[in-house]
Amino acid sequence: LVGSITRGGITNYADSVKGRFTISRDN
């Protein structure tokens, strides 16, 4: 897992990518 994003836009990231990767969504 690299990271995840909830329906409301809350994100979590693996430590290895934190601060470098950003997840977003367009429902």
mmCIF file of all heavy atoms, coordinates in Angstrom:
data_MODEL
# 
_entry.id   MODEL 
# 
loop_
_atom_site.group_PDB 
_atom_site.id 
_atom_site.type_symbol 
_atom_site.label_atom_id 
_atom_site.label_alt_id 
_atom_site.label_comp_id 
_atom_site.label_asym_id 
_atom_site.label_entity_id 
_atom_site.label_seq_id 
_atom_site.pdbx_PDB_ins_code 
_atom_site.Cartn_x 
_atom_site.Cartn_y 
_atom_site.Cartn_z 
_atom_site.occupancy 
_atom_site.B_iso_or_equiv 
_atom_site.pdbx_formal_charge 
_atom_site.auth_seq_id 
_atom_site.auth_comp_id 
_atom_site.auth_asym_id 
_atom_site.auth_atom_id 
_atom_site.pdbx_PDB_model_num 
ATOM 1   N N   . LEU A 1 1  ? 0.840   -1.186 0.000   1.00 0.00 ? 1  LEU A N   1 
ATOM 2   C CA  . LEU A 1 1  ? 0.000   0.000  0.000   1.00 0.00 ? 1  LEU A CA  1 
ATOM 3   C C   . LEU A 1 1  ? 0.878   1.239  0.000   1.00 0.00 ? 1  LEU A C   1 
ATOM 4   O O   . LEU A 1 1  ? 1.769   1.373  0.835   1.00 0.00 ? 1  LEU A O   1 
ATOM 5   C CB  . LEU A 1 1  ? -0.917  -0.004 1.219   1.00 0.00 ? 1  LEU A CB  1 
ATOM 6   C CG  . LEU A 1 1  ? -1.792  1.234  1.414   1.00 0.00 ? 1  LEU A CG  1 
ATOM 7   C CD1 . LEU A 1 1  ? -2.871  1.309  0.340   1.00 0.00 ? 1  LEU A CD1 1 
ATOM 8   C CD2 . LEU A 1 1  ? -2.418  1.222  2.805   1.00 0.00 ? 1  LEU A CD2 1 
ATOM 9   N N   . VAL A 1 2  ? 0.601   2.155  -0.922  1.00 0.00 ? 2  VAL A N   1 
ATOM 10  C CA  . VAL A 1 2  ? 1.307   3.426  -0.957  1.00 0.00 ? 2  VAL A CA  1 
ATOM 11  C C   . VAL A 1 2  ? 0.576   4.442  -0.086  1.00 0.00 ? 2  VAL A C   1 
ATOM 12  O O   . VAL A 1 2  ? 1.187   5.191  0.677   1.00 0.00 ? 2  VAL A O   1 
ATOM 13  C CB  . VAL A 1 2  ? 1.401   3.950  -2.401  1.00 0.00 ? 2  VAL A CB  1 
ATOM 14  C CG1 . VAL A 1 2  ? 1.962   5.364  -2.440  1.00 0.00 ? 2  VAL A CG1 1 
ATOM 15  C CG2 . VAL A 1 2  ? 2.249   3.005  -3.253  1.00 0.00 ? 2  VAL A CG2 1 
ATOM 16  N N   . GLY A 1 3  ? -0.726  4.452  -0.211  1.00 0.00 ? 3  GLY A N   1 
ATOM 17  C CA  . GLY A 1 3  ? -1.534  5.361  0.580   1.00 0.00 ? 3  GLY A CA  1 
ATOM 18  C C   . GLY A 1 3  ? -2.994  5.182  0.256   1.00 0.00 ? 3  GLY A C   1 
ATOM 19  O O   . GLY A 1 3  ? -3.354  4.463  -0.674  1.00 0.00 ? 3  GLY A O   1 
ATOM 20  N N   . SER A 1 4  ? -3.836  5.863  1.026   1.00 0.00 ? 4  SER A N   1 
ATOM 21  C CA  . SER A 1 4  ? -5.273  5.732  0.834   1.00 0.00 ? 4  SER A CA  1 
ATOM 22  C C   . SER A 1 4  ? -5.951  7.078  1.026   1.00 0.00 ? 4  SER A C   1 
ATOM 23  O O   . SER A 1 4  ? -5.370  8.009  1.612   1.00 0.00 ? 4  SER A O   1 
ATOM 24  C CB  . SER A 1 4  ? -5.855  4.707  1.808   1.00 0.00 ? 4  SER A CB  1 
ATOM 25  O OG  . SER A 1 4  ? -5.663  5.142  3.144   1.00 0.00 ? 4  SER A OG  1 
ATOM 26  N N   . ILE A 1 5  ? -7.186  7.153  0.538   1.00 0.00 ? 5  ILE A N   1 
ATOM 27  C CA  . ILE A 1 5  ? -7.968  8.377  0.694   1.00 0.00 ? 5  ILE A CA  1 
ATOM 28  C C   . ILE A 1 5  ? -9.419  7.985  0.927   1.00 0.00 ? 5  ILE A C   1 
ATOM 29  O O   . ILE A 1 5  ? -9.985  7.165  0.203   1.00 0.00 ? 5  ILE A O   1 
ATOM 30  C CB  . ILE A 1 5  ? -7.818  9.295  -0.536  1.00 0.00 ? 5  ILE A CB  1 
ATOM 31  C CG1 . ILE A 1 5  ? -8.569  10.610 -0.318  1.00 0.00 ? 5  ILE A CG1 1 
ATOM 32  C CG2 . ILE A 1 5  ? -8.254  8.602  -1.826  1.00 0.00 ? 5  ILE A CG2 1 
ATOM 33  C CD1 . ILE A 1 5  ? -8.216  11.695 -1.333  1.00 0.00 ? 5  ILE A CD1 1 
ATOM 34  N N   . THR A 1 6  ? -10.016 8.548  1.964   1.00 0.00 ? 6  THR A N   1 
ATOM 35  C CA  . THR A 1 6  ? -11.402 8.245  2.272   1.00 0.00 ? 6  THR A CA  1 
ATOM 36  C C   . THR A 1 6  ? -12.342 9.022  1.351   1.00 0.00 ? 6  THR A C   1 
ATOM 37  O O   . THR A 1 6  ? -11.917 9.904  0.595   1.00 0.00 ? 6  THR A O   1 
ATOM 38  C CB  . THR A 1 6  ? -11.725 8.607  3.723   1.00 0.00 ? 6  THR A CB  1 
ATOM 39  O OG1 . THR A 1 6  ? -11.663 10.041 3.869   1.00 0.00 ? 6  THR A OG1 1 
ATOM 40  C CG2 . THR A 1 6  ? -10.756 7.962  4.697   1.00 0.00 ? 6  THR A CG2 1 
ATOM 41  N N   . ARG A 1 7  ? -13.610 8.717  1.447   1.00 0.00 ? 7  ARG A N   1 
ATOM 42  C CA  . ARG A 1 7  ? -14.593 9.445  0.642   1.00 0.00 ? 7  ARG A CA  1 
ATOM 43  C C   . ARG A 1 7  ? -14.549 10.937 0.962   1.00 0.00 ? 7  ARG A C   1 
ATOM 44  O O   . ARG A 1 7  ? -14.766 11.773 0.093   1.00 0.00 ? 7  ARG A O   1 
ATOM 45  C CB  . ARG A 1 7  ? -15.986 8.891  0.924   1.00 0.00 ? 7  ARG A CB  1 
ATOM 46  C CG  . ARG A 1 7  ? -16.228 7.518  0.355   1.00 0.00 ? 7  ARG A CG  1 
ATOM 47  C CD  . ARG A 1 7  ? -17.500 6.909  0.899   1.00 0.00 ? 7  ARG A CD  1 
ATOM 48  N NE  . ARG A 1 7  ? -18.652 7.797  0.759   1.00 0.00 ? 7  ARG A NE  1 
ATOM 49  C CZ  . ARG A 1 7  ? -19.840 7.542  1.283   1.00 0.00 ? 7  ARG A CZ  1 
ATOM 50  N NH1 . ARG A 1 7  ? -20.028 6.439  1.976   1.00 0.00 ? 7  ARG A NH1 1 
ATOM 51  N NH2 . ARG A 1 7  ? -20.838 8.365  1.112   1.00 0.00 ? 7  ARG A NH2 1 
ATOM 52  N N   . GLY A 1 8  ? -14.241 11.253 2.198   1.00 0.00 ? 8  GLY A N   1 
ATOM 53  C CA  . GLY A 1 8  ? -14.187 12.653 2.607   1.00 0.00 ? 8  GLY A CA  1 
ATOM 54  C C   . GLY A 1 8  ? -12.860 13.329 2.344   1.00 0.00 ? 8  GLY A C   1 
ATOM 55  O O   . GLY A 1 8  ? -12.710 14.519 2.628   1.00 0.00 ? 8  GLY A O   1 
ATOM 56  N N   . GLY A 1 9  ? -11.894 12.572 1.819   1.00 0.00 ? 9  GLY A N   1 
ATOM 57  C CA  . GLY A 1 9  ? -10.620 13.185 1.460   1.00 0.00 ? 9  GLY A CA  1 
ATOM 58  C C   . GLY A 1 9  ? -9.520  13.061 2.491   1.00 0.00 ? 9  GLY A C   1 
ATOM 59  O O   . GLY A 1 9  ? -8.450  13.664 2.343   1.00 0.00 ? 9  GLY A O   1 
ATOM 60  N N   . ILE A 1 10 ? -9.730  12.271 3.527   1.00 0.00 ? 10 ILE A N   1 
ATOM 61  C CA  . ILE A 1 10 ? -8.674  12.066 4.522   1.00 0.00 ? 10 ILE A CA  1 
ATOM 62  C C   . ILE A 1 10 ? -7.674  11.061 3.955   1.00 0.00 ? 10 ILE A C   1 
ATOM 63  O O   . ILE A 1 10 ? -8.047  9.991  3.495   1.00 0.00 ? 10 ILE A O   1 
ATOM 64  C CB  . ILE A 1 10 ? -9.255  11.569 5.851   1.00 0.00 ? 10 ILE A CB  1 
ATOM 65  C CG1 . ILE A 1 10 ? -10.191 12.626 6.430   1.00 0.00 ? 10 ILE A CG1 1 
ATOM 66  C CG2 . ILE A 1 10 ? -8.136  11.232 6.833   1.00 0.00 ? 10 ILE A CG2 1 
ATOM 67  C CD1 . ILE A 1 10 ? -10.948 12.169 7.648   1.00 0.00 ? 10 ILE A CD1 1 
ATOM 68  N N   . THR A 1 11 ? -6.414  11.421 4.023   1.00 0.00 ? 11 THR A N   1 
ATOM 69  C CA  . THR A 1 11 ? -5.369  10.597 3.428   1.00 0.00 ? 11 THR A CA  1 
ATOM 70  C C   . THR A 1 11 ? -4.444  9.998  4.477   1.00 0.00 ? 11 THR A C   1 
ATOM 71  O O   . THR A 1 11 ? -4.248  10.555 5.562   1.00 0.00 ? 11 THR A O   1 
ATOM 72  C CB  . THR A 1 11 ? -4.526  11.415 2.436   1.00 0.00 ? 11 THR A CB  1 
ATOM 73  O OG1 . THR A 1 11 ? -4.032  12.587 3.101   1.00 0.00 ? 11 THR A OG1 1 
ATOM 74  C CG2 . THR A 1 11 ? -5.348  11.830 1.233   1.00 0.00 ? 11 THR A CG2 1 
ATOM 75  N N   . ASN A 1 12 ? -3.882  8.872  4.121   1.00 0.00 ? 12 ASN A N   1 
ATOM 76  C CA  . ASN A 1 12 ? -2.832  8.228  4.912   1.00 0.00 ? 12 ASN A CA  1 
ATOM 77  C C   . ASN A 1 12 ? -1.800  7.693  3.945   1.00 0.00 ? 12 ASN A C   1 
ATOM 78  O O   . ASN A 1 12 ? -2.134  7.256  2.838   1.00 0.00 ? 12 ASN A O   1 
ATOM 79  C CB  . ASN A 1 12 ? -3.394  7.080  5.755   1.00 0.00 ? 12 ASN A CB  1 
ATOM 80  C CG  . ASN A 1 12 ? -4.053  7.569  7.013   1.00 0.00 ? 12 ASN A CG  1 
ATOM 81  O OD1 . ASN A 1 12 ? -3.382  8.019  7.945   1.00 0.00 ? 12 ASN A OD1 1 
ATOM 82  N ND2 . ASN A 1 12 ? -5.371  7.515  7.060   1.00 0.00 ? 12 ASN A ND2 1 
ATOM 83  N N   . TYR A 1 13 ? -0.541  7.709  4.366   1.00 0.00 ? 13 TYR A N   1 
ATOM 84  C CA  . TYR A 1 13 ? 0.538   7.313  3.479   1.00 0.00 ? 13 TYR A CA  1 
ATOM 85  C C   . TYR A 1 13 ? 1.500   6.367  4.177   1.00 0.00 ? 13 TYR A C   1 
ATOM 86  O O   . TYR A 1 13 ? 1.692   6.428  5.391   1.00 0.00 ? 13 TYR A O   1 
ATOM 87  C CB  . TYR A 1 13 ? 1.318   8.542  3.004   1.00 0.00 ? 13 TYR A CB  1 
ATOM 88  C CG  . TYR A 1 13 ? 0.480   9.549  2.255   1.00 0.00 ? 13 TYR A CG  1 
ATOM 89  C CD1 . TYR A 1 13 ? -0.080  10.637 2.912   1.00 0.00 ? 13 TYR A CD1 1 
ATOM 90  C CD2 . TYR A 1 13 ? 0.239   9.396  0.892   1.00 0.00 ? 13 TYR A CD2 1 
ATOM 91  C CE1 . TYR A 1 13 ? -0.864  11.548 2.232   1.00 0.00 ? 13 TYR A CE1 1 
ATOM 92  C CE2 . TYR A 1 13 ? -0.545  10.312 0.204   1.00 0.00 ? 13 TYR A CE2 1 
ATOM 93  C CZ  . TYR A 1 13 ? -1.093  11.380 0.883   1.00 0.00 ? 13 TYR A CZ  1 
ATOM 94  O OH  . TYR A 1 13 ? -1.868  12.288 0.199   1.00 0.00 ? 13 TYR A OH  1 
ATOM 95  N N   . ALA A 1 14 ? 2.127   5.520  3.371   1.00 0.00 ? 14 ALA A N   1 
ATOM 96  C CA  . ALA A 1 14 ? 3.215   4.709  3.882   1.00 0.00 ? 14 ALA A CA  1 
ATOM 97  C C   . ALA A 1 14 ? 4.367   5.636  4.271   1.00 0.00 ? 14 ALA A C   1 
ATOM 98  O O   . ALA A 1 14 ? 4.567   6.692  3.655   1.00 0.00 ? 14 ALA A O   1 
ATOM 99  C CB  . ALA A 1 14 ? 3.674   3.722  2.811   1.00 0.00 ? 14 ALA A CB  1 
ATOM 100 N N   . ASP A 1 15 ? 5.114   5.236  5.274   1.00 0.00 ? 15 ASP A N   1 
ATOM 101 C CA  . ASP A 1 15 ? 6.217   6.078  5.750   1.00 0.00 ? 15 ASP A CA  1 
ATOM 102 C C   . ASP A 1 15 ? 7.217   6.383  4.632   1.00 0.00 ? 15 ASP A C   1 
ATOM 103 O O   . ASP A 1 15 ? 7.804   7.466  4.588   1.00 0.00 ? 15 ASP A O   1 
ATOM 104 C CB  . ASP A 1 15 ? 6.945   5.387  6.906   1.00 0.00 ? 15 ASP A CB  1 
ATOM 105 C CG  . ASP A 1 15 ? 6.127   5.398  8.183   1.00 0.00 ? 15 ASP A CG  1 
ATOM 106 O OD1 . ASP A 1 15 ? 5.170   6.198  8.284   1.00 0.00 ? 15 ASP A OD1 1 
ATOM 107 O OD2 . ASP A 1 15 ? 6.434   4.596  9.087   1.00 0.00 ? 15 ASP A OD2 1 
ATOM 108 N N   . SER A 1 16 ? 7.384   5.435  3.727   1.00 0.00 ? 16 SER A N   1 
ATOM 109 C CA  . SER A 1 16 ? 8.389   5.592  2.679   1.00 0.00 ? 16 SER A CA  1 
ATOM 110 C C   . SER A 1 16 ? 8.054   6.694  1.677   1.00 0.00 ? 16 SER A C   1 
ATOM 111 O O   . SER A 1 16 ? 8.938   7.170  0.954   1.00 0.00 ? 16 SER A O   1 
ATOM 112 C CB  . SER A 1 16 ? 8.576   4.269  1.934   1.00 0.00 ? 16 SER A CB  1 
ATOM 113 O OG  . SER A 1 16 ? 7.353   3.842  1.361   1.00 0.00 ? 16 SER A OG  1 
ATOM 114 N N   . VAL A 1 17 ? 6.790   7.114  1.622   1.00 0.00 ? 17 VAL A N   1 
ATOM 115 C CA  . VAL A 1 17 ? 6.393   8.128  0.638   1.00 0.00 ? 17 VAL A CA  1 
ATOM 116 C C   . VAL A 1 17 ? 5.842   9.390  1.294   1.00 0.00 ? 17 VAL A C   1 
ATOM 117 O O   . VAL A 1 17 ? 5.533   10.359 0.589   1.00 0.00 ? 17 VAL A O   1 
ATOM 118 C CB  . VAL A 1 17 ? 5.351   7.573  -0.360  1.00 0.00 ? 17 VAL A CB  1 
ATOM 119 C CG1 . VAL A 1 17 ? 5.864   6.290  -1.008  1.00 0.00 ? 17 VAL A CG1 1 
ATOM 120 C CG2 . VAL A 1 17 ? 4.011   7.347  0.312   1.00 0.00 ? 17 VAL A CG2 1 
ATOM 121 N N   . LYS A 1 18 ? 5.724   9.376  2.594   1.00 0.00 ? 18 LYS A N   1 
ATOM 122 C CA  . LYS A 1 18 ? 5.147   10.501 3.299   1.00 0.00 ? 18 LYS A CA  1 
ATOM 123 C C   . LYS A 1 18 ? 5.939   11.773 3.005   1.00 0.00 ? 18 LYS A C   1 
ATOM 124 O O   . LYS A 1 18 ? 7.168   11.786 3.060   1.00 0.00 ? 18 LYS A O   1 
ATOM 125 C CB  . LYS A 1 18 ? 5.135   10.202 4.805   1.00 0.00 ? 18 LYS A CB  1 
ATOM 126 C CG  . LYS A 1 18 ? 3.965   10.765 5.557   1.00 0.00 ? 18 LYS A CG  1 
ATOM 127 C CD  . LYS A 1 18 ? 3.941   10.231 6.989   1.00 0.00 ? 18 LYS A CD  1 
ATOM 128 C CE  . LYS A 1 18 ? 3.268   8.898  7.075   1.00 0.00 ? 18 LYS A CE  1 
ATOM 129 N NZ  . LYS A 1 18 ? 3.098   8.422  8.460   1.00 0.00 ? 18 LYS A NZ  1 
ATOM 130 N N   . GLY A 1 19 ? 5.217   12.830 2.681   1.00 0.00 ? 19 GLY A N   1 
ATOM 131 C CA  . GLY A 1 19 ? 5.869   14.091 2.369   1.00 0.00 ? 19 GLY A CA  1 
ATOM 132 C C   . GLY A 1 19 ? 6.277   14.232 0.915   1.00 0.00 ? 19 GLY A C   1 
ATOM 133 O O   . GLY A 1 19 ? 6.648   15.329 0.472   1.00 0.00 ? 19 GLY A O   1 
ATOM 134 N N   . ARG A 1 20 ? 6.232   13.141 0.165   1.00 0.00 ? 20 ARG A N   1 
ATOM 135 C CA  . ARG A 1 20 ? 6.613   13.178 -1.264  1.00 0.00 ? 20 ARG A CA  1 
ATOM 136 C C   . ARG A 1 20 ? 5.436   12.886 -2.184  1.00 0.00 ? 20 ARG A C   1 
ATOM 137 O O   . ARG A 1 20 ? 5.389   13.382 -3.306  1.00 0.00 ? 20 ARG A O   1 
ATOM 138 C CB  . ARG A 1 20 ? 7.716   12.157 -1.532  1.00 0.00 ? 20 ARG A CB  1 
ATOM 139 C CG  . ARG A 1 20 ? 8.983   12.384 -0.719  1.00 0.00 ? 20 ARG A CG  1 
ATOM 140 C CD  . ARG A 1 20 ? 10.112  11.459 -1.182  1.00 0.00 ? 20 ARG A CD  1 
ATOM 141 N NE  . ARG A 1 20 ? 9.784   10.048 -0.991  1.00 0.00 ? 20 ARG A NE  1 
ATOM 142 C CZ  . ARG A 1 20 ? 9.755   9.152  -1.985  1.00 0.00 ? 20 ARG A CZ  1 
ATOM 143 N NH1 . ARG A 1 20 ? 10.014  9.526  -3.229  1.00 0.00 ? 20 ARG A NH1 1 
ATOM 144 N NH2 . ARG A 1 20 ? 9.472   7.882  -1.728  1.00 0.00 ? 20 ARG A NH2 1 
ATOM 145 N N   . PHE A 1 21 ? 4.515   12.055 -1.728  1.00 0.00 ? 21 PHE A N   1 
ATOM 146 C CA  . PHE A 1 21 ? 3.368   11.653 -2.550  1.00 0.00 ? 21 PHE A CA  1 
ATOM 147 C C   . PHE A 1 21 ? 2.092   12.278 -1.998  1.00 0.00 ? 21 PHE A C   1 
ATOM 148 O O   . PHE A 1 21 ? 1.939   12.432 -0.783  1.00 0.00 ? 21 PHE A O   1 
ATOM 149 C CB  . PHE A 1 21 ? 3.208   10.135 -2.552  1.00 0.00 ? 21 PHE A CB  1 
ATOM 150 C CG  . PHE A 1 21 ? 4.261   9.384  -3.309  1.00 0.00 ? 21 PHE A CG  1 
ATOM 151 C CD1 . PHE A 1 21 ? 5.434   9.995  -3.752  1.00 0.00 ? 21 PHE A CD1 1 
ATOM 152 C CD2 . PHE A 1 21 ? 4.082   8.042  -3.600  1.00 0.00 ? 21 PHE A CD2 1 
ATOM 153 C CE1 . PHE A 1 21 ? 6.396   9.294  -4.451  1.00 0.00 ? 21 PHE A CE1 1 
ATOM 154 C CE2 . PHE A 1 21 ? 5.040   7.319  -4.296  1.00 0.00 ? 21 PHE A CE2 1 
ATOM 155 C CZ  . PHE A 1 21 ? 6.195   7.946  -4.719  1.00 0.00 ? 21 PHE A CZ  1 
ATOM 156 N N   . THR A 1 22 ? 1.165   12.596 -2.908  1.00 0.00 ? 22 THR A N   1 
ATOM 157 C CA  . THR A 1 22 ? -0.123  13.156 -2.519  1.00 0.00 ? 22 THR A CA  1 
ATOM 158 C C   . THR A 1 22 ? -1.238  12.464 -3.293  1.00 0.00 ? 22 THR A C   1 
ATOM 159 O O   . THR A 1 22 ? -1.188  12.394 -4.529  1.00 0.00 ? 22 THR A O   1 
ATOM 160 C CB  . THR A 1 22 ? -0.177  14.663 -2.800  1.00 0.00 ? 22 THR A CB  1 
ATOM 161 O OG1 . THR A 1 22 ? 0.878   15.318 -2.086  1.00 0.00 ? 22 THR A OG1 1 
ATOM 162 C CG2 . THR A 1 22 ? -1.514  15.238 -2.355  1.00 0.00 ? 22 THR A CG2 1 
ATOM 163 N N   . ILE A 1 23 ? -2.220  11.975 -2.563  1.00 0.00 ? 23 ILE A N   1 
ATOM 164 C CA  . ILE A 1 23 ? -3.389  11.336 -3.174  1.00 0.00 ? 23 ILE A CA  1 
ATOM 165 C C   . ILE A 1 23 ? -4.562  12.304 -3.118  1.00 0.00 ? 23 ILE A C   1 
ATOM 166 O O   . ILE A 1 23 ? -4.793  12.954 -2.103  1.00 0.00 ? 23 ILE A O   1 
ATOM 167 C CB  . ILE A 1 23 ? -3.749  10.033 -2.447  1.00 0.00 ? 23 ILE A CB  1 
ATOM 168 C CG1 . ILE A 1 23 ? -2.598  9.022  -2.547  1.00 0.00 ? 23 ILE A CG1 1 
ATOM 169 C CG2 . ILE A 1 23 ? -5.023  9.424  -3.033  1.00 0.00 ? 23 ILE A CG2 1 
ATOM 170 C CD1 . ILE A 1 23 ? -2.822  7.755  -1.737  1.00 0.00 ? 23 ILE A CD1 1 
ATOM 171 N N   . SER A 1 24 ? -5.285  12.368 -4.215  1.00 0.00 ? 24 SER A N   1 
ATOM 172 C CA  . SER A 1 24 ? -6.492  13.181 -4.254  1.00 0.00 ? 24 SER A CA  1 
ATOM 173 C C   . SER A 1 24 ? -7.554  12.425 -5.057  1.00 0.00 ? 24 SER A C   1 
ATOM 174 O O   . SER A 1 24 ? -7.261  11.407 -5.679  1.00 0.00 ? 24 SER A O   1 
ATOM 175 C CB  . SER A 1 24 ? -6.215  14.553 -4.878  1.00 0.00 ? 24 SER A CB  1 
ATOM 176 O OG  . SER A 1 24 ? -5.725  14.415 -6.198  1.00 0.00 ? 24 SER A OG  1 
ATOM 177 N N   . ARG A 1 25 ? -8.752  12.948 -5.010  1.00 0.00 ? 25 ARG A N   1 
ATOM 178 C CA  . ARG A 1 25 ? -9.832  12.263 -5.726  1.00 0.00 ? 25 ARG A CA  1 
ATOM 179 C C   . ARG A 1 25 ? -10.824 13.263 -6.270  1.00 0.00 ? 25 ARG A C   1 
ATOM 180 O O   . ARG A 1 25 ? -11.000 14.346 -5.717  1.00 0.00 ? 25 ARG A O   1 
ATOM 181 C CB  . ARG A 1 25 ? -10.530 11.272 -4.803  1.00 0.00 ? 25 ARG A CB  1 
ATOM 182 C CG  . ARG A 1 25 ? -11.248 11.897 -3.624  1.00 0.00 ? 25 ARG A CG  1 
ATOM 183 C CD  . ARG A 1 25 ? -11.633 10.840 -2.603  1.00 0.00 ? 25 ARG A CD  1 
ATOM 184 N NE  . ARG A 1 25 ? -12.628 9.924  -3.147  1.00 0.00 ? 25 ARG A NE  1 
ATOM 185 C CZ  . ARG A 1 25 ? -12.885 8.733  -2.611  1.00 0.00 ? 25 ARG A CZ  1 
ATOM 186 N NH1 . ARG A 1 25 ? -12.206 8.315  -1.555  1.00 0.00 ? 25 ARG A NH1 1 
ATOM 187 N NH2 . ARG A 1 25 ? -13.805 7.960  -3.137  1.00 0.00 ? 25 ARG A NH2 1 
ATOM 188 N N   . ASP A 1 26 ? -11.487 12.881 -7.345  1.00 0.00 ? 26 ASP A N   1 
ATOM 189 C CA  . ASP A 1 26 ? -12.573 13.657 -7.922  1.00 0.00 ? 26 ASP A CA  1 
ATOM 190 C C   . ASP A 1 26 ? -13.758 12.701 -8.018  1.00 0.00 ? 26 ASP A C   1 
ATOM 191 O O   . ASP A 1 26 ? -13.850 11.914 -8.958  1.00 0.00 ? 26 ASP A O   1 
ATOM 192 C CB  . ASP A 1 26 ? -12.166 14.198 -9.292  1.00 0.00 ? 26 ASP A CB  1 
ATOM 193 C CG  . ASP A 1 26 ? -13.214 15.129 -9.888  1.00 0.00 ? 26 ASP A CG  1 
ATOM 194 O OD1 . ASP A 1 26 ? -14.409 15.007 -9.525  1.00 0.00 ? 26 ASP A OD1 1 
ATOM 195 O OD2 . ASP A 1 26 ? -12.856 15.971 -10.718 1.00 0.00 ? 26 ASP A OD2 1 
ATOM 196 N N   . ASN A 1 27 ? -14.642 12.771 -7.041  1.00 0.00 ? 27 ASN A N   1 
ATOM 197 C CA  . ASN A 1 27 ? -15.748 11.819 -7.007  1.00 0.00 ? 27 ASN A CA  1 
ATOM 198 C C   . ASN A 1 27 ? -16.668 11.968 -8.211  1.00 0.00 ? 27 ASN A C   1 
ATOM 199 O O   . ASN A 1 27 ? -17.211 10.987 -8.719  1.00 0.00 ? 27 ASN A O   1 
ATOM 200 C CB  . ASN A 1 27 ? -16.540 11.992 -5.711  1.00 0.00 ? 27 ASN A CB  1 
ATOM 201 C CG  . ASN A 1 27 ? -15.759 11.550 -4.489  1.00 0.00 ? 27 ASN A CG  1 
ATOM 202 O OD1 . ASN A 1 27 ? -14.823 10.761 -4.591  1.00 0.00 ? 27 ASN A OD1 1 
ATOM 203 N ND2 . ASN A 1 27 ? -16.123 12.061 -3.329  1.00 0.00 ? 27 ASN A ND2 1 
# 
